Amino acid sequence: MRIAPCSALPLAAVLALSVALPLRAALPKGRIVFRSERGDGYEIYSMDSAGSDLRNLSNSRSALDDMPDWSPDGKRVVFVSTRDSNDEIYVMDADGADQRRLTSHPGIDWLPKWSPDGRQIAFMRYEGHSAAVFVMDADGARVHKVADAAESPDWSPDGSELLYVSTQDGRLYRVGREGGAARAVGAVGSRGRATCPAWAPDGSRVAFAVRDGEHSELFVT
C-alpha cells in the first residue's frame, strides 16, 4: 500500500470543521478528482458529484499516479507520478489530455497544490531524510525553496502565504510565497505533532489535526 502525507483533513475532521468554519466552494464544474487503484495500478480519476461518469484521466497503467489537485479554473489537474522512475510532478488537462512533466529532480516531489490564482504550484520535496516546501510557476519554471524542514503546504486564500508543518518541532508556520522569515501559528504544546493544516476560506483561522501516536484530534486557531 502506498502511504502519502495528507493532502486534506480526514473525513471526520472535515465534518467537525464544517461546524467551526464555512465550507469551501464546490470543486470545478461539480466534479471530483481522486486517485484509485481499481485498475492495474494507481490512476487519477474524475467523477461527478453523484459518483457517476467515472473517467480514468492518467491511464499510465504501470506507474503510480497520486495526489491530484484541480486548478482553480477547473481546466487542469496537477498530480504526482512515477512513470519516469521517480516521484515527479505532472500536469494534464481536465480530460486527461496533454500530460506534461513539470519537475525533474533526484529527490521525491510530492503533494502539489495550485495557488488560488492558478499561477504557481506549491509542493514538498524529500531529499534523503529531509523535507522542504518549494514553489514553482504553473509551467514548471522558477522553482524556488520557501521553507526548510517543512511539509504539508497549504495556500492562504489570497495566495500571499503558505502554511506548513515544521518537521523539526511539529508546529505550524506561515511564510510568504517567495520565502523569507516564517511566523509560528498557534501552539501545539505537548499534545503531539500538527498535521493536515488548512486555512479557513476567509483566511481568519487555521484548522489542523494533532497526532499523538495512533490518535488524532482537530484544532482551530
Protein backbone atom coordinates (compact mmCIF):
# COMPACT_ATOMS: atom_id res chain seq x y z
CA MET A 1 0.00 0.00 0.00
CA ARG A 2 1.27 3.47 -0.92
CA ILE A 3 1.27 5.77 2.10
CA ALA A 4 1.15 9.50 1.35
CA PRO A 5 1.19 12.62 3.51
CA CYS A 6 -2.24 14.11 3.94
CA SER A 7 -3.48 16.33 1.16
CA ALA A 8 -6.64 17.19 3.08
CA LEU A 9 -8.14 16.76 6.50
CA PRO A 10 -9.53 13.28 7.25
CA LEU A 11 -13.26 12.88 6.73
CA ALA A 12 -14.06 13.05 10.44
CA ALA A 13 -12.05 16.24 10.69
CA VAL A 14 -13.84 17.75 7.69
CA LEU A 15 -17.21 17.05 9.30
CA ALA A 16 -16.08 18.64 12.54
CA LEU A 17 -14.53 21.55 10.69
CA SER A 18 -17.82 22.31 8.95
CA VAL A 19 -19.23 23.29 12.34
CA ALA A 20 -16.44 25.77 13.03
CA LEU A 21 -15.66 27.17 9.57
CA PRO A 22 -17.55 27.95 6.37
CA LEU A 23 -17.34 25.15 3.81
CA ARG A 24 -15.10 25.61 0.80
CA ALA A 25 -16.70 26.15 -2.60
CA ALA A 26 -17.64 23.15 -4.73
CA LEU A 27 -14.93 21.67 -6.94
CA PRO A 28 -14.72 22.97 -10.52
CA LYS A 29 -17.70 22.01 -12.67
CA GLY A 30 -19.06 19.85 -9.86
CA ARG A 31 -16.50 17.12 -10.50
CA ILE A 32 -14.27 15.31 -8.02
CA VAL A 33 -10.73 14.28 -8.84
CA PHE A 34 -9.10 11.42 -6.92
CA ARG A 35 -6.71 8.52 -7.20
CA SER A 36 -7.71 4.87 -7.19
CA GLU A 37 -6.03 1.51 -7.61
CA ARG A 38 -9.06 -0.15 -9.19
CA GLY A 39 -7.06 -0.93 -12.36
CA ASP A 40 -3.50 -2.16 -12.88
CA GLY A 41 -2.05 0.48 -10.58
CA TYR A 42 -2.70 3.87 -9.04
CA GLU A 43 -4.51 6.10 -11.54
CA ILE A 44 -6.11 9.55 -11.44
CA TYR A 45 -9.87 9.52 -11.97
CA SER A 46 -12.65 12.08 -12.02
CA MET A 47 -16.37 11.66 -11.45
CA ASP A 48 -19.36 13.90 -10.97
CA SER A 49 -20.64 14.80 -7.52
CA ALA A 50 -23.21 11.98 -7.66
CA GLY A 51 -20.46 9.39 -8.13
CA SER A 52 -21.25 8.68 -11.79
CA ASP A 53 -19.50 9.43 -15.10
CA LEU A 54 -16.23 7.89 -13.89
CA ARG A 55 -13.23 8.71 -16.09
CA ASN A 56 -9.65 7.46 -15.95
CA LEU A 57 -7.59 10.60 -16.62
CA SER A 58 -3.98 9.47 -16.30
CA ASN A 59 -4.08 5.99 -17.93
CA SER A 60 -0.44 5.30 -17.11
CA ARG A 61 -1.04 1.63 -16.16
CA SER A 62 2.35 0.57 -14.76
CA ALA A 63 3.11 3.87 -12.97
CA LEU A 64 1.81 5.15 -9.63
CA ASP A 65 -0.21 8.33 -10.14
CA ASP A 66 -1.30 10.11 -6.98
CA MET A 67 -2.13 13.36 -5.14
CA PRO A 68 -4.24 15.16 -7.79
CA ASP A 69 -5.35 18.77 -7.37
CA TRP A 70 -7.71 20.79 -9.59
CA SER A 71 -6.53 24.12 -10.93
CA PRO A 72 -8.73 27.00 -9.72
CA ASP A 73 -10.28 27.41 -13.19
CA GLY A 74 -11.06 23.68 -13.40
CA LYS A 75 -9.14 23.28 -16.66
CA ARG A 76 -6.07 21.36 -15.41
CA VAL A 77 -5.03 18.77 -12.85
CA VAL A 78 -1.62 18.64 -11.21
CA PHE A 79 -0.51 15.28 -9.83
CA VAL A 80 2.45 13.08 -8.87
CA SER A 81 3.62 10.16 -11.00
CA THR A 82 6.42 7.57 -11.00
CA ARG A 83 6.18 6.98 -14.76
CA ASP A 84 9.77 8.18 -15.20
CA SER A 85 11.08 6.00 -12.33
CA ASN A 86 10.89 8.75 -9.70
CA ASP A 87 8.14 10.71 -7.95
CA GLU A 88 7.79 13.83 -10.08
CA ILE A 89 5.06 16.40 -10.61
CA TYR A 90 2.98 16.41 -13.80
CA VAL A 91 0.07 18.42 -15.13
CA MET A 92 -2.70 17.47 -17.55
CA ASP A 93 -5.89 18.91 -18.95
CA ALA A 94 -9.13 18.19 -17.08
CA ASP A 95 -9.94 15.42 -19.59
CA GLY A 96 -6.50 13.78 -19.22
CA ALA A 97 -5.01 15.20 -22.42
CA ASP A 98 -1.64 16.96 -22.78
CA GLN A 99 0.16 15.28 -19.86
CA ARG A 100 3.41 17.10 -19.15
CA ARG A 101 6.20 16.67 -16.62
CA LEU A 102 6.95 19.77 -14.55
CA THR A 103 9.77 18.67 -12.24
CA SER A 104 12.95 16.68 -12.81
CA HIS A 105 14.91 16.09 -9.63
CA PRO A 106 16.57 13.10 -7.93
CA GLY A 107 14.57 13.82 -4.79
CA ILE A 108 10.91 12.93 -4.26
CA ASP A 109 8.40 15.64 -5.22
CA TRP A 110 5.02 15.26 -3.52
CA LEU A 111 1.76 16.94 -2.61
CA PRO A 112 1.41 19.62 -5.34
CA LYS A 113 -1.16 22.35 -4.71
CA TRP A 114 -2.29 25.12 -7.02
CA SER A 115 -2.13 28.69 -5.80
CA PRO A 116 -5.54 30.42 -5.68
CA ASP A 117 -4.71 32.44 -8.80
CA GLY A 118 -3.52 29.34 -10.68
CA ARG A 119 -0.14 30.88 -11.49
CA GLN A 120 2.00 28.81 -9.13
CA ILE A 121 2.19 25.35 -7.58
CA ALA A 122 3.49 24.58 -4.09
CA PHE A 123 4.90 21.14 -3.31
CA MET A 124 7.07 19.12 -0.94
CA ARG A 125 10.48 17.80 -1.89
CA TYR A 126 12.18 14.97 0.00
CA GLU A 127 15.95 14.69 -0.28
CA GLY A 128 17.32 11.90 1.88
CA HIS A 129 15.71 12.29 5.29
CA SER A 130 14.89 15.99 4.95
CA ALA A 131 11.81 17.69 3.52
CA ALA A 132 11.28 21.23 2.26
CA VAL A 133 8.47 23.25 0.68
CA PHE A 134 9.01 24.65 -2.80
CA VAL A 135 7.00 26.85 -5.14
CA MET A 136 7.21 26.89 -8.94
CA ASP A 137 5.38 28.60 -11.75
CA ALA A 138 2.49 26.65 -13.26
CA ASP A 139 4.65 25.71 -16.26
CA GLY A 140 7.42 24.29 -14.03
CA ALA A 141 9.70 27.32 -14.31
CA ARG A 142 11.28 29.33 -11.50
CA VAL A 143 11.43 26.59 -8.85
CA HIS A 144 12.42 28.06 -5.50
CA LYS A 145 12.51 26.90 -1.91
CA VAL A 146 10.31 28.78 0.55
CA ALA A 147 10.86 26.74 3.74
CA ASP A 148 13.37 24.19 5.02
CA ALA A 149 12.40 21.29 7.29
CA ALA A 150 8.80 21.71 6.16
CA GLU A 151 5.92 19.58 4.89
CA SER A 152 2.16 19.64 4.14
CA PRO A 153 1.89 23.09 2.50
CA ASP A 154 -1.45 24.87 2.13
CA TRP A 155 -2.03 28.20 0.37
CA SER A 156 -3.67 31.12 2.11
CA PRO A 157 -6.95 32.13 0.38
CA ASP A 158 -5.34 35.27 -1.09
CA GLY A 159 -2.27 33.33 -2.26
CA SER A 160 0.20 35.57 -0.45
CA GLU A 161 1.37 32.97 2.09
CA LEU A 162 1.83 29.27 2.69
CA LEU A 163 1.02 27.33 5.81
CA TYR A 164 3.24 24.35 6.63
CA VAL A 165 4.24 21.93 9.36
CA SER A 166 7.80 22.03 10.66
CA THR A 167 9.50 18.64 10.62
CA GLN A 168 11.73 19.83 13.45
CA ASP A 169 9.24 20.80 16.16
CA GLY A 170 5.88 19.69 14.69
CA ARG A 171 4.44 23.21 14.89
CA LEU A 172 2.60 25.23 12.25
CA TYR A 173 4.25 28.15 10.47
CA ARG A 174 3.32 30.62 7.76
CA VAL A 175 5.70 32.06 5.18
CA GLY A 176 5.42 34.30 2.12
CA ARG A 177 5.06 32.70 -1.30
CA GLU A 178 8.59 33.84 -2.15
CA GLY A 179 10.05 32.63 1.17
CA GLY A 180 11.57 34.78 3.89
CA ALA A 181 11.03 34.81 7.65
CA ALA A 182 8.43 32.33 8.91
CA ARG A 183 5.96 33.01 11.73
CA ALA A 184 4.57 30.43 14.14
CA VAL A 185 0.81 29.83 14.05
CA GLY A 186 -0.93 28.90 17.28
CA ALA A 187 0.57 26.41 19.71
CA VAL A 188 0.63 22.64 19.64
CA GLY A 189 2.31 22.32 23.03
CA SER A 190 2.84 18.82 24.37
CA ARG A 191 -0.29 17.40 22.74
CA GLY A 192 1.60 15.87 19.82
CA ARG A 193 2.51 16.79 16.26
CA ALA A 194 0.48 19.03 13.96
CA THR A 195 -0.62 17.62 10.62
CA CYS A 196 -3.02 18.32 7.75
CA PRO A 197 -3.24 22.12 8.15
CA ALA A 198 -5.93 24.04 6.26
CA TRP A 199 -6.84 27.73 6.05
CA ALA A 200 -10.40 28.92 6.59
CA PRO A 201 -11.84 30.28 3.31
CA ASP A 202 -11.69 33.84 4.65
CA GLY A 203 -8.12 33.42 5.95
CA SER A 204 -9.04 34.33 9.51
CA ARG A 205 -8.38 30.95 11.09
CA VAL A 206 -6.45 27.73 10.59
CA ALA A 207 -7.60 24.17 11.23
CA PHE A 208 -5.18 21.32 11.85
CA ALA A 209 -5.05 17.87 13.35
CA VAL A 210 -2.68 16.88 16.15
CA ARG A 211 -1.42 13.34 16.02
CA ASP A 212 -0.43 11.61 19.22
CA GLY A 213 0.50 8.03 18.45
CA GLU A 214 -2.43 6.46 16.61
CA HIS A 215 -4.92 9.12 17.72
CA SER A 216 -5.69 12.50 16.14
CA GLU A 217 -7.72 15.47 17.34
CA LEU A 218 -8.91 18.52 15.42
CA PHE A 219 -7.99 22.05 16.48
CA VAL A 220 -8.82 25.52 15.16
CA THR A 221 -6.66 28.54 15.90
